[in-house]
Each structure stands twice: as structure tokens, then as C-alpha cells.
Amino acid sequence: MAELKCSYSCPFHRGKIEWHHPCSEYPDVGLYLCEAHHSLLQGRHVRYQGEILIDLTLQQMKADLVKLERHAVENAGLTYDSIDKH
């Protein structure tokens, strides 16, 4: 079985990689995220030590993650309005 990788192309990853499904009605639609990036989508406002070296703010990284999430949802034929989980 292939190793799971976080869908976000950030150089810093932390924690387990798990399936993030933003639409509760469609659990097969989503993307794989490490715990650090999933917590950004959920509203984390404090940098982890390893994120200090990244040349993006947490808000910029969250915006990137929202775009990835939106892309996954729209590729499945759904609309962004289908997202009900963060």
C-alpha cells in the first residue's frame, strides 16, 4: 500500500495523515491532510515551531488549503456551498 501524503505542498507537516471530507453528505469527497494542516482549516492561530521557516502567514496557508478543498469538492461535481465542515 502506498504511503499517505498530505495534499498540501508545504514543506512542514506534522502528525498523522488523515482523510479530510468537508461535506458530511459525501464522505468520499475530500483530500488527505496532516494534523497540522487540518488544524489550520479548523481555525488554529498559533504557528508550530517548524512553520517559522515558511515564508507564508497562517492566513495565507489557510487560504491555500481552502483552495485545495474547494478544488477537490468541485472536481467531484459538487459546489463550494456543499462544504459544511471545518
PDB file of N, CA and C in Angstrom:
ATOM      1  N   MET A   1       0.838  -1.187   0.000  1.00  0.00           N
ATOM      2  CA  MET A   1       0.000   0.000   0.000  1.00  0.00           C
ATOM      3  C   MET A   1       0.885   1.255   0.000  1.00  0.00           C
ATOM      4  N   ALA A   2       0.523   2.242  -0.786  1.00  0.00           N
ATOM      5  CA  ALA A   2       1.298   3.470  -0.886  1.00  0.00           C
ATOM      6  C   ALA A   2       1.193   4.275   0.406  1.00  0.00           C
ATOM      7  N   GLU A   3       2.262   4.982   0.715  1.00  0.00           N
ATOM      8  CA  GLU A   3       2.276   5.833   1.899  1.00  0.00           C
ATOM      9  C   GLU A   3       1.386   7.048   1.654  1.00  0.00           C
ATOM     10  N   LEU A   4       0.558   7.381   2.632  1.00  0.00           N
ATOM     11  CA  LEU A   4      -0.303   8.552   2.511  1.00  0.00           C
ATOM     12  C   LEU A   4       0.533   9.813   2.646  1.00  0.00           C
ATOM     13  N   LYS A   5       0.212  10.805   1.838  1.00  0.00           N
ATOM     14  CA  LYS A   5       0.904  12.084   1.892  1.00  0.00           C
ATOM     15  C   LYS A   5      -0.119  13.199   2.001  1.00  0.00           C
ATOM     16  N   CYS A   6       0.251  14.227   2.718  1.00  0.00           N
ATOM     17  CA  CYS A   6      -0.591  15.411   2.849  1.00  0.00           C
ATOM     18  C   CYS A   6      -0.735  16.058   1.473  1.00  0.00           C
ATOM     19  N   SER A   7      -1.935  16.466   1.129  1.00  0.00           N
ATOM     20  CA  SER A   7      -2.207  17.068  -0.182  1.00  0.00           C
ATOM     21  C   SER A   7      -1.652  18.480  -0.325  1.00  0.00           C
ATOM     22  N   TYR A   8      -1.308  19.105   0.785  1.00  0.00           N
ATOM     23  CA  TYR A   8      -0.786  20.470   0.730  1.00  0.00           C
ATOM     24  C   TYR A   8       0.723  20.427   0.503  1.00  0.00           C
ATOM     25  N   SER A   9       1.210  21.214  -0.416  1.00  0.00           N
ATOM     26  CA  SER A   9       2.616  21.170  -0.825  1.00  0.00           C
ATOM     27  C   SER A   9       3.538  22.009   0.058  1.00  0.00           C
ATOM     28  N   CYS A  10       3.194  22.179   1.279  1.00  0.00           N
ATOM     29  CA  CYS A  10       4.000  22.901   2.250  1.00  0.00           C
ATOM     30  C   CYS A  10       5.171  22.016   2.691  1.00  0.00           C
ATOM     31  N   PRO A  11       6.347  22.596   2.960  1.00  0.00           N
ATOM     32  CA  PRO A  11       7.479  21.762   3.380  1.00  0.00           C
ATOM     33  C   PRO A  11       7.369  21.240   4.815  1.00  0.00           C
ATOM     34  N   PHE A  12       6.487  21.796   5.620  1.00  0.00           N
ATOM     35  CA  PHE A  12       6.325  21.364   7.004  1.00  0.00           C
ATOM     36  C   PHE A  12       5.036  20.560   7.153  1.00  0.00           C
ATOM     37  N   HIS A  13       5.163  19.382   7.717  1.00  0.00           N
ATOM     38  CA  HIS A  13       3.998  18.545   8.016  1.00  0.00           C
ATOM     39  C   HIS A  13       4.166  18.019   9.425  1.00  0.00           C
ATOM     40  N   ARG A  14       3.044  17.800  10.099  1.00  0.00           N
ATOM     41  CA  ARG A  14       3.102  17.329  11.482  1.00  0.00           C
ATOM     42  C   ARG A  14       1.892  16.461  11.770  1.00  0.00           C
ATOM     43  N   GLY A  15       2.138  15.340  12.407  1.00  0.00           N
ATOM     44  CA  GLY A  15       1.057  14.477  12.844  1.00  0.00           C
ATOM     45  C   GLY A  15       0.621  13.485  11.781  1.00  0.00           C
ATOM     46  N   LYS A  16      -0.409  12.735  12.142  1.00  0.00           N
ATOM     47  CA  LYS A  16      -0.932  11.706  11.246  1.00  0.00           C
ATOM     48  C   LYS A  16      -1.576  12.327  10.015  1.00  0.00           C
ATOM     49  N   ILE A  17      -1.557  11.577   8.940  1.00  0.00           N
ATOM     50  CA  ILE A  17      -2.239  11.973   7.710  1.00  0.00           C
ATOM     51  C   ILE A  17      -3.602  11.284   7.727  1.00  0.00           C
ATOM     52  N   GLU A  18      -4.640  12.073   7.607  1.00  0.00           N
ATOM     53  CA  GLU A  18      -5.994  11.518   7.630  1.00  0.00           C
ATOM     54  C   GLU A  18      -6.837  12.132   6.516  1.00  0.00           C
ATOM     55  N   TRP A  19      -7.897  11.439   6.178  1.00  0.00           N
ATOM     56  CA  TRP A  19      -8.825  11.877   5.153  1.00  0.00           C
ATOM     57  C   TRP A  19      -9.680  13.005   5.706  1.00  0.00           C
ATOM     58  N   HIS A  20      -9.661  14.140   5.043  1.00  0.00           N
ATOM     59  CA  HIS A  20     -10.498  15.289   5.410  1.00  0.00           C
ATOM     60  C   HIS A  20     -11.631  15.343   4.401  1.00  0.00           C
ATOM     61  N   HIS A  21     -12.855  15.141   4.875  1.00  0.00           N
ATOM     62  CA  HIS A  21     -14.016  15.220   3.986  1.00  0.00           C
ATOM     63  C   HIS A  21     -14.894  16.382   4.458  1.00  0.00           C
ATOM     64  N   PRO A  22     -14.863  17.478   3.708  1.00  0.00           N
ATOM     65  CA  PRO A  22     -15.543  18.700   4.124  1.00  0.00           C
ATOM     66  C   PRO A  22     -17.055  18.690   3.948  1.00  0.00           C
ATOM     67  N   CYS A  23     -17.584  17.690   3.252  1.00  0.00           N
ATOM     68  CA  CYS A  23     -19.027  17.607   3.008  1.00  0.00           C
ATOM     69  C   CYS A  23     -19.569  16.369   3.720  1.00  0.00           C
ATOM     70  N   SER A  24     -20.310  16.561   4.791  1.00  0.00           N
ATOM     71  CA  SER A  24     -20.761  15.414   5.580  1.00  0.00           C
ATOM     72  C   SER A  24     -21.633  14.454   4.774  1.00  0.00           C
ATOM     73  N   GLU A  25     -22.338  14.946   3.791  1.00  0.00           N
ATOM     74  CA  GLU A  25     -23.187  14.081   2.958  1.00  0.00           C
ATOM     75  C   GLU A  25     -22.370  13.252   1.961  1.00  0.00           C
ATOM     76  N   TYR A  26     -21.131  13.637   1.712  1.00  0.00           N
ATOM     77  CA  TYR A  26     -20.288  12.968   0.723  1.00  0.00           C
ATOM     78  C   TYR A  26     -18.931  12.620   1.340  1.00  0.00           C
ATOM     79  N   PRO A  27     -18.875  11.577   2.161  1.00  0.00           N
ATOM     80  CA  PRO A  27     -17.620  11.248   2.857  1.00  0.00           C
ATOM     81  C   PRO A  27     -16.495  10.790   1.935  1.00  0.00           C
ATOM     82  N   ASP A  28     -16.791  10.457   0.682  1.00  0.00           N
ATOM     83  CA  ASP A  28     -15.746  10.049  -0.256  1.00  0.00           C
ATOM     84  C   ASP A  28     -15.103  11.233  -0.971  1.00  0.00           C
ATOM     85  N   VAL A  29     -15.595  12.436  -0.737  1.00  0.00           N
ATOM     86  CA  VAL A  29     -15.054  13.634  -1.372  1.00  0.00           C
ATOM     87  C   VAL A  29     -14.178  14.366  -0.363  1.00  0.00           C
ATOM     88  N   GLY A  30     -12.933  14.596  -0.735  1.00  0.00           N
ATOM     89  CA  GLY A  30     -12.049  15.313   0.166  1.00  0.00           C
ATOM     90  C   GLY A  30     -10.603  15.198  -0.237  1.00  0.00           C
ATOM     91  N   LEU A  31      -9.709  15.321   0.740  1.00  0.00           N
ATOM     92  CA  LEU A  31      -8.290  15.254   0.493  1.00  0.00           C
ATOM     93  C   LEU A  31      -7.575  14.801   1.764  1.00  0.00           C
ATOM     94  N   TYR A  32      -6.357  14.309   1.593  1.00  0.00           N
ATOM     95  CA  TYR A  32      -5.562  13.888   2.736  1.00  0.00           C
ATOM     96  C   TYR A  32      -4.804  15.082   3.290  1.00  0.00           C
ATOM     97  N   LEU A  33      -4.878  15.250   4.616  1.00  0.00           N
ATOM     98  CA  LEU A  33      -4.162  16.333   5.280  1.00  0.00           C
ATOM     99  C   LEU A  33      -3.482  15.813   6.540  1.00  0.00           C
ATOM    100  N   CYS A  34      -2.308  16.375   6.829  1.00  0.00           N
ATOM    101  CA  CYS A  34      -1.665  16.068   8.102  1.00  0.00           C
ATOM    102  C   CYS A  34      -2.416  16.849   9.182  1.00  0.00           C
ATOM    103  N   GLU A  35      -2.168  16.497  10.427  1.00  0.00           N
ATOM    104  CA  GLU A  35      -2.874  17.154  11.533  1.00  0.00           C
ATOM    105  C   GLU A  35      -2.607  18.659  11.575  1.00  0.00           C
ATOM    106  N   ALA A  36      -1.386  19.069  11.236  1.00  0.00           N
ATOM    107  CA  ALA A  36      -1.050  20.496  11.259  1.00  0.00           C
ATOM    108  C   ALA A  36      -1.890  21.285  10.260  1.00  0.00           C
ATOM    109  N   HIS A  37      -2.043  20.763   9.066  1.00  0.00           N
ATOM    110  CA  HIS A  37      -2.793  21.493   8.047  1.00  0.00           C
ATOM    111  C   HIS A  37      -4.297  21.380   8.266  1.00  0.00           C
ATOM    112  N   HIS A  38      -4.747  20.272   8.787  1.00  0.00           N
ATOM    113  CA  HIS A  38      -6.163  20.145   9.114  1.00  0.00           C
ATOM    114  C   HIS A  38      -6.535  21.152  10.205  1.00  0.00           C
ATOM    115  N   SER A  39      -5.648  21.332  11.174  1.00  0.00           N
ATOM    116  CA  SER A  39      -5.944  22.275  12.255  1.00  0.00           C
ATOM    117  C   SER A  39      -5.999  23.714  11.748  1.00  0.00           C
ATOM    118  N   LEU A  40      -5.281  24.030  10.683  1.00  0.00           N
ATOM    119  CA  LEU A  40      -5.389  25.371  10.096  1.00  0.00           C
ATOM    120  C   LEU A  40      -6.785  25.602   9.532  1.00  0.00           C
ATOM    121  N   LEU A  41      -7.322  24.588   8.859  1.00  0.00           N
ATOM    122  CA  LEU A  41      -8.681  24.713   8.336  1.00  0.00           C
ATOM    123  C   LEU A  41      -9.699  24.889   9.461  1.00  0.00           C
ATOM    124  N   GLN A  42      -9.396  24.319  10.609  1.00  0.00           N
ATOM    125  CA  GLN A  42     -10.304  24.399  11.744  1.00  0.00           C
ATOM    126  C   GLN A  42     -10.121  25.671  12.563  1.00  0.00           C
ATOM    127  N   GLY A  43      -9.140  26.500  12.198  1.00  0.00           N
ATOM    128  CA  GLY A  43      -9.006  27.796  12.854  1.00  0.00           C
ATOM    129  C   GLY A  43      -7.810  27.990  13.760  1.00  0.00           C
ATOM    130  N   ARG A  44      -6.805  27.141  13.679  1.00  0.00           N
ATOM    131  CA  ARG A  44      -5.605  27.335  14.503  1.00  0.00           C
ATOM    132  C   ARG A  44      -4.967  28.678  14.171  1.00  0.00           C
ATOM    133  N   HIS A  45      -4.541  29.423  15.229  1.00  0.00           N
ATOM    134  CA  HIS A  45      -3.960  30.757  15.045  1.00  0.00           C
ATOM    135  C   HIS A  45      -2.532  30.868  15.550  1.00  0.00           C
ATOM    136  N   VAL A  46      -1.949  29.759  15.978  1.00  0.00           N
ATOM    137  CA  VAL A  46      -0.593  29.776  16.531  1.00  0.00           C
ATOM    138  C   VAL A  46       0.304  28.911  15.651  1.00  0.00           C
ATOM    139  N   ARG A  47       1.464  29.465  15.300  1.00  0.00           N
ATOM    140  CA  ARG A  47       2.418  28.716  14.474  1.00  0.00           C
ATOM    141  C   ARG A  47       3.063  27.597  15.288  1.00  0.00           C
ATOM    142  N   TYR A  48       3.292  26.473  14.626  1.00  0.00           N
ATOM    143  CA  TYR A  48       4.141  25.436  15.199  1.00  0.00           C
ATOM    144  C   TYR A  48       5.581  25.854  14.938  1.00  0.00           C
ATOM    145  N   GLN A  49       6.490  25.352  15.740  1.00  0.00           N
ATOM    146  CA  GLN A  49       7.894  25.748  15.632  1.00  0.00           C
ATOM    147  C   GLN A  49       8.436  25.554  14.215  1.00  0.00           C
ATOM    148  N   GLY A  50       8.122  24.446  13.573  1.00  0.00           N
ATOM    149  CA  GLY A  50       8.613  24.183  12.227  1.00  0.00           C
ATOM    150  C   GLY A  50       8.046  25.103  11.165  1.00  0.00           C
ATOM    151  N   GLU A  51       6.957  25.781  11.466  1.00  0.00           N
ATOM    152  CA  GLU A  51       6.333  26.695  10.491  1.00  0.00           C
ATOM    153  C   GLU A  51       7.007  28.055  10.454  1.00  0.00           C
ATOM    154  N   ILE A  52       7.890  28.320  11.389  1.00  0.00           N
ATOM    155  CA  ILE A  52       8.573  29.611  11.440  1.00  0.00           C
ATOM    156  C   ILE A  52       9.391  29.842  10.177  1.00  0.00           C
ATOM    157  N   LEU A  53       9.894  28.769   9.578  1.00  0.00           N
ATOM    158  CA  LEU A  53      10.736  28.880   8.385  1.00  0.00           C
ATOM    159  C   LEU A  53       9.941  29.064   7.093  1.00  0.00           C
ATOM    160  N   ILE A  54       8.634  28.948   7.159  1.00  0.00           N
ATOM    161  CA  ILE A  54       7.795  29.068   5.965  1.00  0.00           C
ATOM    162  C   ILE A  54       7.514  30.545   5.702  1.00  0.00           C
ATOM    163  N   ASP A  55       7.666  30.943   4.458  1.00  0.00           N
ATOM    164  CA  ASP A  55       7.514  32.352   4.076  1.00  0.00           C
ATOM    165  C   ASP A  55       6.060  32.699   3.732  1.00  0.00           C
ATOM    166  N   LEU A  56       5.136  32.177   4.523  1.00  0.00           N
ATOM    167  CA  LEU A  56       3.714  32.483   4.364  1.00  0.00           C
ATOM    168  C   LEU A  56       3.113  32.696   5.748  1.00  0.00           C
ATOM    169  N   THR A  57       2.114  33.536   5.837  1.00  0.00           N
ATOM    170  CA  THR A  57       1.401  33.671   7.108  1.00  0.00           C
ATOM    171  C   THR A  57       0.452  32.483   7.260  1.00  0.00           C
ATOM    172  N   LEU A  58      -0.031  32.280   8.465  1.00  0.00           N
ATOM    173  CA  LEU A  58      -1.017  31.213   8.673  1.00  0.00           C
ATOM    174  C   LEU A  58      -2.272  31.477   7.839  1.00  0.00           C
ATOM    175  N   GLN A  59      -2.639  32.739   7.705  1.00  0.00           N
ATOM    176  CA  GLN A  59      -3.812  33.084   6.901  1.00  0.00           C
ATOM    177  C   GLN A  59      -3.597  32.725   5.436  1.00  0.00           C
ATOM    178  N   GLN A  60      -2.390  32.943   4.925  1.00  0.00           N
ATOM    179  CA  GLN A  60      -2.092  32.588   3.533  1.00  0.00           C
ATOM    180  C   GLN A  60      -2.122  31.072   3.341  1.00  0.00           C
ATOM    181  N   MET A  61      -1.567  30.347   4.320  1.00  0.00           N
ATOM    182  CA  MET A  61      -1.594  28.885   4.225  1.00  0.00           C
ATOM    183  C   MET A  61      -3.030  28.375   4.295  1.00  0.00           C
ATOM    184  N   LYS A  62      -3.842  28.975   5.163  1.00  0.00           N
ATOM    185  CA  LYS A  62      -5.247  28.561   5.253  1.00  0.00           C
ATOM    186  C   LYS A  62      -5.962  28.839   3.934  1.00  0.00           C
ATOM    187  N   ALA A  63      -5.681  29.977   3.320  1.00  0.00           N
ATOM    188  CA  ALA A  63      -6.297  30.304   2.026  1.00  0.00           C
ATOM    189  C   ALA A  63      -5.912  29.267   0.973  1.00  0.00           C
ATOM    190  N   ASP A  64      -4.650  28.830   0.983  1.00  0.00           N
ATOM    191  CA  ASP A  64      -4.212  27.776   0.061  1.00  0.00           C
ATOM    192  C   ASP A  64      -4.980  26.478   0.312  1.00  0.00           C
ATOM    193  N   LEU A  65      -5.163  26.143   1.582  1.00  0.00           N
ATOM    194  CA  LEU A  65      -5.880  24.918   1.937  1.00  0.00           C
ATOM    195  C   LEU A  65      -7.353  24.990   1.531  1.00  0.00           C
ATOM    196  N   VAL A  66      -7.952  26.149   1.693  1.00  0.00           N
ATOM    197  CA  VAL A  66      -9.349  26.331   1.277  1.00  0.00           C
ATOM    198  C   VAL A  66      -9.465  26.144  -0.238  1.00  0.00           C
ATOM    199  N   LYS A  67      -8.476  26.643  -0.990  1.00  0.00           N
ATOM    200  CA  LYS A  67      -8.477  26.450  -2.444  1.00  0.00           C
ATOM    201  C   LYS A  67      -8.369  24.970  -2.801  1.00  0.00           C
ATOM    202  N   LEU A  68      -7.477  24.242  -2.114  1.00  0.00           N
ATOM    203  CA  LEU A  68      -7.347  22.796  -2.349  1.00  0.00           C
ATOM    204  C   LEU A  68      -8.659  22.072  -2.043  1.00  0.00           C
ATOM    205  N   GLU A  69      -9.264  22.459  -0.933  1.00  0.00           N
ATOM    206  CA  GLU A  69     -10.528  21.855  -0.521  1.00  0.00           C
ATOM    207  C   GLU A  69     -11.616  22.132  -1.566  1.00  0.00           C
ATOM    208  N   ARG A  70     -11.689  23.375  -1.992  1.00  0.00           N
ATOM    209  CA  ARG A  70     -12.680  23.766  -2.997  1.00  0.00           C
ATOM    210  C   ARG A  70     -12.458  22.991  -4.294  1.00  0.00           C
ATOM    211  N   HIS A  71     -11.204  22.847  -4.696  1.00  0.00           N
ATOM    212  CA  HIS A  71     -10.861  22.127  -5.915  1.00  0.00           C
ATOM    213  C   HIS A  71     -11.321  20.664  -5.823  1.00  0.00           C
ATOM    214  N   ALA A  72     -11.075  20.027  -4.694  1.00  0.00           N
ATOM    215  CA  ALA A  72     -11.481  18.630  -4.501  1.00  0.00           C
ATOM    216  C   ALA A  72     -12.999  18.484  -4.579  1.00  0.00           C
ATOM    217  N   VAL A  73     -13.704  19.422  -3.987  1.00  0.00           N
ATOM    218  CA  VAL A  73     -15.169  19.384  -3.981  1.00  0.00           C
ATOM    219  C   VAL A  73     -15.720  19.620  -5.388  1.00  0.00           C
ATOM    220  N   GLU A  74     -15.180  20.608  -6.074  1.00  0.00           N
ATOM    221  CA  GLU A  74     -15.664  20.912  -7.419  1.00  0.00           C
ATOM    222  C   GLU A  74     -15.297  19.818  -8.416  1.00  0.00           C
ATOM    223  N   ASN A  75     -14.142  19.168  -8.230  1.00  0.00           N
ATOM    224  CA  ASN A  75     -13.774  18.051  -9.106  1.00  0.00           C
ATOM    225  C   ASN A  75     -14.728  16.875  -8.954  1.00  0.00           C
ATOM    226  N   ALA A  76     -15.390  16.795  -7.818  1.00  0.00           N
ATOM    227  CA  ALA A  76     -16.354  15.722  -7.581  1.00  0.00           C
ATOM    228  C   ALA A  76     -17.744  16.093  -8.108  1.00  0.00           C
ATOM    229  N   GLY A  77     -17.861  17.264  -8.742  1.00  0.00           N
ATOM    230  CA  GLY A  77     -19.142  17.691  -9.307  1.00  0.00           C
ATOM    231  C   GLY A  77     -20.043  18.402  -8.320  1.00  0.00           C
ATOM    232  N   LEU A  78     -19.502  18.771  -7.176  1.00  0.00           N
ATOM    233  CA  LEU A  78     -20.273  19.486  -6.162  1.00  0.00           C
ATOM    234  C   LEU A  78     -19.915  20.966  -6.218  1.00  0.00           C
ATOM    235  N   THR A  79     -20.636  21.767  -5.455  1.00  0.00           N
ATOM    236  CA  THR A  79     -20.319  23.192  -5.375  1.00  0.00           C
ATOM    237  C   THR A  79     -19.685  23.497  -4.026  1.00  0.00           C
ATOM    238  N   TYR A  80     -19.029  24.638  -3.944  1.00  0.00           N
ATOM    239  CA  TYR A  80     -18.391  25.050  -2.694  1.00  0.00           C
ATOM    240  C   TYR A  80     -19.423  25.144  -1.562  1.00  0.00           C
ATOM    241  N   ASP A  81     -20.672  25.420  -1.920  1.00  0.00           N
ATOM    242  CA  ASP A  81     -21.741  25.507  -0.913  1.00  0.00           C
ATOM    243  C   ASP A  81     -22.035  24.160  -0.261  1.00  0.00           C
ATOM    244  N   SER A  82     -21.545  23.075  -0.839  1.00  0.00           N
ATOM    245  CA  SER A  82     -21.740  21.735  -0.266  1.00  0.00           C
ATOM    246  C   SER A  82     -20.886  21.531   0.980  1.00  0.00           C
ATOM    247  N   ILE A  83     -19.859  22.359   1.154  1.00  0.00           N
ATOM    248  CA  ILE A  83     -18.956  22.211   2.296  1.00  0.00           C
ATOM    249  C   ILE A  83     -19.666  22.660   3.564  1.00  0.00           C
ATOM    250  N   ASP A  84     -19.706  21.755   4.543  1.00  0.00           N
ATOM    251  CA  ASP A  84     -20.363  22.091   5.811  1.00  0.00           C
ATOM    252  C   ASP A  84     -19.497  21.772   7.034  1.00  0.00           C
ATOM    253  N   LYS A  85     -18.246  21.378   6.789  1.00  0.00           N
ATOM    254  CA  LYS A  85     -17.363  21.011   7.902  1.00  0.00           C
ATOM    255  C   LYS A  85     -16.042  21.766   7.812  1.00  0.00           C
ATOM    256  N   HIS A  86     -15.645  22.329   8.918  1.00  0.00           N
ATOM    257  CA  HIS A  86     -14.312  22.937   9.061  1.00  0.00           C
ATOM    258  C   HIS A  86     -13.880  22.766  10.470  1.00  0.00           C
TER     259      HIS A  86
END
